[in-house]
Every structure is written in C-alpha cells, then in structure tokens.
Amino acid sequence: DTERDDIEAAGGAGAKRTLTAEEQILSIPRRPNWTGLTPTELNDKENEAFLNWRRHLADIQETTDTIITPYEKNLEFWRQLWRVIERSELIIQIVDCRNPLLFRSQDLEKYVGEVSALKKNMILLNKADYLTQQQRE
C-alpha cells in the first residue's frame, strides 16, 4: 500500500502488463542539449524530444490498463519550465499537504539535479488549514 500513485491503474481482467517501477513515477520531458545549435535546430530537437516523451506516455497507456491523468501537453509550457529551471537556483514545488507524495514530482526534482548539481529543490506544503492540529504537529 503506497500513498503515491502518479499513475492510477484501472486494473481488471484486461490488463496487458503491469507498470514498471520507473513507469510508476510519471516522467517529465527533458530539454535536449542545445549547445552549438541554431534556433531552428534547437526548435526541431525540442519538438522531437517532446514527441518522444508523448509517445512514451501513450505507449504506457495503451499497453497497460492505466489511465494517465490529463497532463500538460503544450510544448510551450515545457519550454518555459526548462528555461526557468536553467535560470533559477531554487525550484519550489507547491503541493497539497493532505497528500503531498501524490502531488510531488520526483522526476522534476531529478531533472533539476541533472541540469545542475548546484540547484536546489524545495517542497512547500499548501492548504495546512485543512489539516487537524494533530496532523500539523
């Protein structure tokens, strides 16, 4: 029994295969190395990386009885996130404190470390007023 389920398995008799441990942590797309690329080449590489990521998610959904919740499917969103991560020293994830492990993106934390070991991750718990005094302690 785990509190964290980035991907909710529908289950049932029609299951084709089970999710691997890696697949259970929903990945985020990686920005390709852009050193020495022209803007056009970078655009093409980003499009390709994004499409490969989307294909991977579609493959998971098609080959398992898994429902992947609606996820940001707009490449411009990811381009903005990639650039914010590159320019920032601290990345803060704001998560619902009622179930922080469900809303936390472990892969985002991993990606931040891949961009630079000097960058820091922080988890900020939101909605503490929904918790009982005992839960807050």
C-alpha atoms as a PDB file:
ATOM      1  CA  ASP A   1       0.000   0.000   0.000  1.00  0.00           C
ATOM      2  CA  THR A   2       1.561   3.254  -1.113  1.00  0.00           C
ATOM      3  CA  GLU A   3       0.356   6.803  -0.777  1.00  0.00           C
ATOM      4  CA  ARG A   4       1.990   7.797  -4.034  1.00  0.00           C
ATOM      5  CA  ASP A   5       0.338   6.848  -7.295  1.00  0.00           C
ATOM      6  CA  ASP A   6       1.348   9.243 -10.074  1.00  0.00           C
ATOM      7  CA  ILE A   7      -0.367   6.893 -12.443  1.00  0.00           C
ATOM      8  CA  GLU A   8      -3.633   5.337 -11.382  1.00  0.00           C
ATOM      9  CA  ALA A   9      -4.023   1.798 -12.615  1.00  0.00           C
ATOM     10  CA  ALA A  10      -7.560   0.903 -13.612  1.00  0.00           C
ATOM     11  CA  GLY A  11      -6.917  -2.813 -13.044  1.00  0.00           C
ATOM     12  CA  GLY A  12      -9.225  -5.551 -14.191  1.00  0.00           C
ATOM     13  CA  ALA A  13      -9.061  -8.711 -16.235  1.00  0.00           C
ATOM     14  CA  GLY A  14      -7.939  -6.918 -19.411  1.00  0.00           C
ATOM     15  CA  ALA A  15      -4.556  -5.854 -18.038  1.00  0.00           C
ATOM     16  CA  LYS A  16      -1.859  -6.398 -20.656  1.00  0.00           C
ATOM     17  CA  ARG A  17       1.107  -5.843 -18.336  1.00  0.00           C
ATOM     18  CA  THR A  18       1.887  -4.159 -15.054  1.00  0.00           C
ATOM     19  CA  LEU A  19       3.714  -0.882 -14.705  1.00  0.00           C
ATOM     20  CA  THR A  20       7.427  -0.980 -14.050  1.00  0.00           C
ATOM     21  CA  ALA A  21       8.758   0.911 -11.042  1.00  0.00           C
ATOM     22  CA  GLU A  22      10.150   3.535 -13.432  1.00  0.00           C
ATOM     23  CA  GLU A  23       6.773   3.976 -15.135  1.00  0.00           C
ATOM     24  CA  GLN A  24       5.021   4.480 -11.793  1.00  0.00           C
ATOM     25  CA  ILE A  25       6.819   7.815 -11.426  1.00  0.00           C
ATOM     26  CA  LEU A  26       5.455   9.971 -14.209  1.00  0.00           C
ATOM     27  CA  SER A  27       8.353  11.447 -16.135  1.00  0.00           C
ATOM     28  CA  ILE A  28       8.696  14.950 -17.448  1.00  0.00           C
ATOM     29  CA  PRO A  29      10.212  15.704 -20.858  1.00  0.00           C
ATOM     30  CA  ARG A  30      13.901  16.560 -20.967  1.00  0.00           C
ATOM     31  CA  ARG A  31      15.266  19.522 -22.862  1.00  0.00           C
ATOM     32  CA  PRO A  32      17.863  18.318 -25.357  1.00  0.00           C
ATOM     33  CA  ASN A  33      21.399  19.638 -25.164  1.00  0.00           C
ATOM     34  CA  TRP A  34      21.280  22.926 -27.008  1.00  0.00           C
ATOM     35  CA  THR A  35      24.952  23.909 -27.005  1.00  0.00           C
ATOM     36  CA  GLY A  36      26.048  24.936 -30.500  1.00  0.00           C
ATOM     37  CA  LEU A  37      22.605  24.623 -32.081  1.00  0.00           C
ATOM     38  CA  THR A  38      20.946  27.269 -34.197  1.00  0.00           C
ATOM     39  CA  PRO A  39      17.487  28.408 -33.042  1.00  0.00           C
ATOM     40  CA  THR A  40      15.909  26.298 -35.791  1.00  0.00           C
ATOM     41  CA  GLU A  41      17.903  23.206 -34.844  1.00  0.00           C
ATOM     42  CA  LEU A  42      17.017  23.721 -31.170  1.00  0.00           C
ATOM     43  CA  ASN A  43      13.342  24.049 -32.041  1.00  0.00           C
ATOM     44  CA  ASP A  44      13.493  20.803 -34.030  1.00  0.00           C
ATOM     45  CA  LYS A  45      15.327  18.956 -31.221  1.00  0.00           C
ATOM     46  CA  GLU A  46      12.837  20.200 -28.610  1.00  0.00           C
ATOM     47  CA  ASN A  47       9.906  19.131 -30.786  1.00  0.00           C
ATOM     48  CA  GLU A  48      11.452  15.692 -31.269  1.00  0.00           C
ATOM     49  CA  ALA A  49      12.172  15.210 -27.544  1.00  0.00           C
ATOM     50  CA  PHE A  50       8.655  16.314 -26.640  1.00  0.00           C
ATOM     51  CA  LEU A  51       7.035  13.981 -29.190  1.00  0.00           C
ATOM     52  CA  ASN A  52       9.145  11.061 -27.939  1.00  0.00           C
ATOM     53  CA  TRP A  53       8.003  11.808 -24.392  1.00  0.00           C
ATOM     54  CA  ARG A  54       4.360  11.955 -25.502  1.00  0.00           C
ATOM     55  CA  ARG A  55       4.768   8.661 -27.393  1.00  0.00           C
ATOM     56  CA  HIS A  56       6.210   7.071 -24.249  1.00  0.00           C
ATOM     57  CA  LEU A  57       3.167   8.164 -22.211  1.00  0.00           C
ATOM     58  CA  ALA A  58       0.809   6.937 -24.934  1.00  0.00           C
ATOM     59  CA  ASP A  59       2.617   3.582 -25.014  1.00  0.00           C
ATOM     60  CA  ILE A  60       2.205   3.194 -21.248  1.00  0.00           C
ATOM     61  CA  GLN A  61      -1.480   3.952 -21.516  1.00  0.00           C
ATOM     62  CA  GLU A  62      -2.051   1.632 -24.493  1.00  0.00           C
ATOM     63  CA  THR A  63      -0.071  -1.368 -23.231  1.00  0.00           C
ATOM     64  CA  THR A  64      -1.366  -1.347 -19.662  1.00  0.00           C
ATOM     65  CA  ASP A  65      -4.716  -0.844 -18.027  1.00  0.00           C
ATOM     66  CA  THR A  66      -3.525   2.541 -16.879  1.00  0.00           C
ATOM     67  CA  ILE A  67      -5.197   5.892 -17.024  1.00  0.00           C
ATOM     68  CA  ILE A  68      -2.764   8.774 -17.197  1.00  0.00           C
ATOM     69  CA  THR A  69      -4.470  11.820 -15.835  1.00  0.00           C
ATOM     70  CA  PRO A  70      -4.570  14.893 -18.079  1.00  0.00           C
ATOM     71  CA  TYR A  71      -1.050  16.211 -18.202  1.00  0.00           C
ATOM     72  CA  GLU A  72       0.338  19.378 -19.692  1.00  0.00           C
ATOM     73  CA  LYS A  73       0.513  18.592 -23.411  1.00  0.00           C
ATOM     74  CA  ASN A  74       1.643  22.009 -24.552  1.00  0.00           C
ATOM     75  CA  LEU A  75       5.291  22.165 -25.620  1.00  0.00           C
ATOM     76  CA  GLU A  76       5.429  25.891 -24.837  1.00  0.00           C
ATOM     77  CA  PHE A  77       4.688  25.090 -21.189  1.00  0.00           C
ATOM     78  CA  TRP A  78       7.688  22.761 -21.060  1.00  0.00           C
ATOM     79  CA  ARG A  79       9.924  25.226 -22.886  1.00  0.00           C
ATOM     80  CA  GLN A  80       9.096  27.827 -20.251  1.00  0.00           C
ATOM     81  CA  LEU A  81       9.754  25.355 -17.423  1.00  0.00           C
ATOM     82  CA  TRP A  82      13.087  24.289 -18.942  1.00  0.00           C
ATOM     83  CA  ARG A  83      14.242  27.901 -19.136  1.00  0.00           C
ATOM     84  CA  VAL A  84      13.044  28.740 -15.627  1.00  0.00           C
ATOM     85  CA  ILE A  85      14.969  25.752 -14.261  1.00  0.00           C
ATOM     86  CA  GLU A  86      18.101  26.779 -16.186  1.00  0.00           C
ATOM     87  CA  ARG A  87      17.944  30.324 -14.780  1.00  0.00           C
ATOM     88  CA  SER A  88      16.918  29.506 -11.200  1.00  0.00           C
ATOM     89  CA  GLU A  89      18.941  28.443  -8.194  1.00  0.00           C
ATOM     90  CA  LEU A  90      15.941  27.120  -6.249  1.00  0.00           C
ATOM     91  CA  ILE A  91      12.908  25.270  -7.604  1.00  0.00           C
ATOM     92  CA  ILE A  92       9.875  25.208  -5.314  1.00  0.00           C
ATOM     93  CA  GLN A  93       7.101  22.661  -5.738  1.00  0.00           C
ATOM     94  CA  ILE A  94       3.887  23.672  -4.005  1.00  0.00           C
ATOM     95  CA  VAL A  95       1.961  20.535  -3.043  1.00  0.00           C
ATOM     96  CA  ASP A  96      -1.312  19.870  -1.267  1.00  0.00           C
ATOM     97  CA  CYS A  97      -0.418  18.908   2.307  1.00  0.00           C
ATOM     98  CA  ARG A  98      -3.316  16.464   2.559  1.00  0.00           C
ATOM     99  CA  ASN A  99      -1.352  14.063   0.338  1.00  0.00           C
ATOM    100  CA  PRO A 100       1.990  15.644  -0.579  1.00  0.00           C
ATOM    101  CA  LEU A 101       3.501  12.471  -2.031  1.00  0.00           C
ATOM    102  CA  LEU A 102       0.701  12.257  -4.589  1.00  0.00           C
ATOM    103  CA  PHE A 103       1.314  15.778  -5.881  1.00  0.00           C
ATOM    104  CA  ARG A 104       5.110  15.878  -5.630  1.00  0.00           C
ATOM    105  CA  SER A 105       7.008  15.316  -8.862  1.00  0.00           C
ATOM    106  CA  GLN A 106      10.065  13.222  -8.100  1.00  0.00           C
ATOM    107  CA  ASP A 107      11.126  13.375 -11.732  1.00  0.00           C
ATOM    108  CA  LEU A 108      11.107  17.181 -11.661  1.00  0.00           C
ATOM    109  CA  GLU A 109      13.477  17.029  -8.695  1.00  0.00           C
ATOM    110  CA  LYS A 110      15.660  14.580 -10.593  1.00  0.00           C
ATOM    111  CA  TYR A 111      15.670  16.776 -13.710  1.00  0.00           C
ATOM    112  CA  VAL A 112      16.670  19.854 -11.692  1.00  0.00           C
ATOM    113  CA  GLY A 113      19.686  17.889 -10.419  1.00  0.00           C
ATOM    114  CA  GLU A 114      20.516  16.795 -13.969  1.00  0.00           C
ATOM    115  CA  VAL A 115      20.591  20.417 -15.125  1.00  0.00           C
ATOM    116  CA  SER A 116      22.990  21.369 -12.316  1.00  0.00           C
ATOM    117  CA  ALA A 117      24.041  19.769  -9.060  1.00  0.00           C
ATOM    118  CA  LEU A 118      24.157  23.301  -7.596  1.00  0.00           C
ATOM    119  CA  LYS A 119      20.412  23.821  -7.996  1.00  0.00           C
ATOM    120  CA  LYS A 120      18.168  23.112  -5.015  1.00  0.00           C
ATOM    121  CA  ASN A 121      14.665  21.680  -4.746  1.00  0.00           C
ATOM    122  CA  MET A 122      12.159  22.673  -2.077  1.00  0.00           C
ATOM    123  CA  ILE A 123       8.739  21.265  -1.254  1.00  0.00           C
ATOM    124  CA  LEU A 124       6.216  23.806   0.078  1.00  0.00           C
ATOM    125  CA  LEU A 125       3.119  22.363   1.727  1.00  0.00           C
ATOM    126  CA  ASN A 126      -0.080  24.216   0.898  1.00  0.00           C
ATOM    127  CA  LYS A 127      -3.567  24.054   2.474  1.00  0.00           C
ATOM    128  CA  ALA A 128      -2.339  23.350   6.014  1.00  0.00           C
ATOM    129  CA  ASP A 129      -5.620  24.821   7.275  1.00  0.00           C
ATOM    130  CA  TYR A 130      -7.351  21.635   6.035  1.00  0.00           C
ATOM    131  CA  LEU A 131      -5.299  19.501   8.453  1.00  0.00           C
ATOM    132  CA  THR A 132      -6.152  18.789  12.049  1.00  0.00           C
ATOM    133  CA  GLN A 133      -3.890  20.156  14.783  1.00  0.00           C
ATOM    134  CA  GLN A 134      -2.561  16.627  15.320  1.00  0.00           C
ATOM    135  CA  GLN A 135      -1.671  16.241  11.620  1.00  0.00           C
ATOM    136  CA  ARG A 136       0.137  19.592  11.610  1.00  0.00           C
ATOM    137  CA  GLU A 137       2.325  18.557  14.537  1.00  0.00           C
END
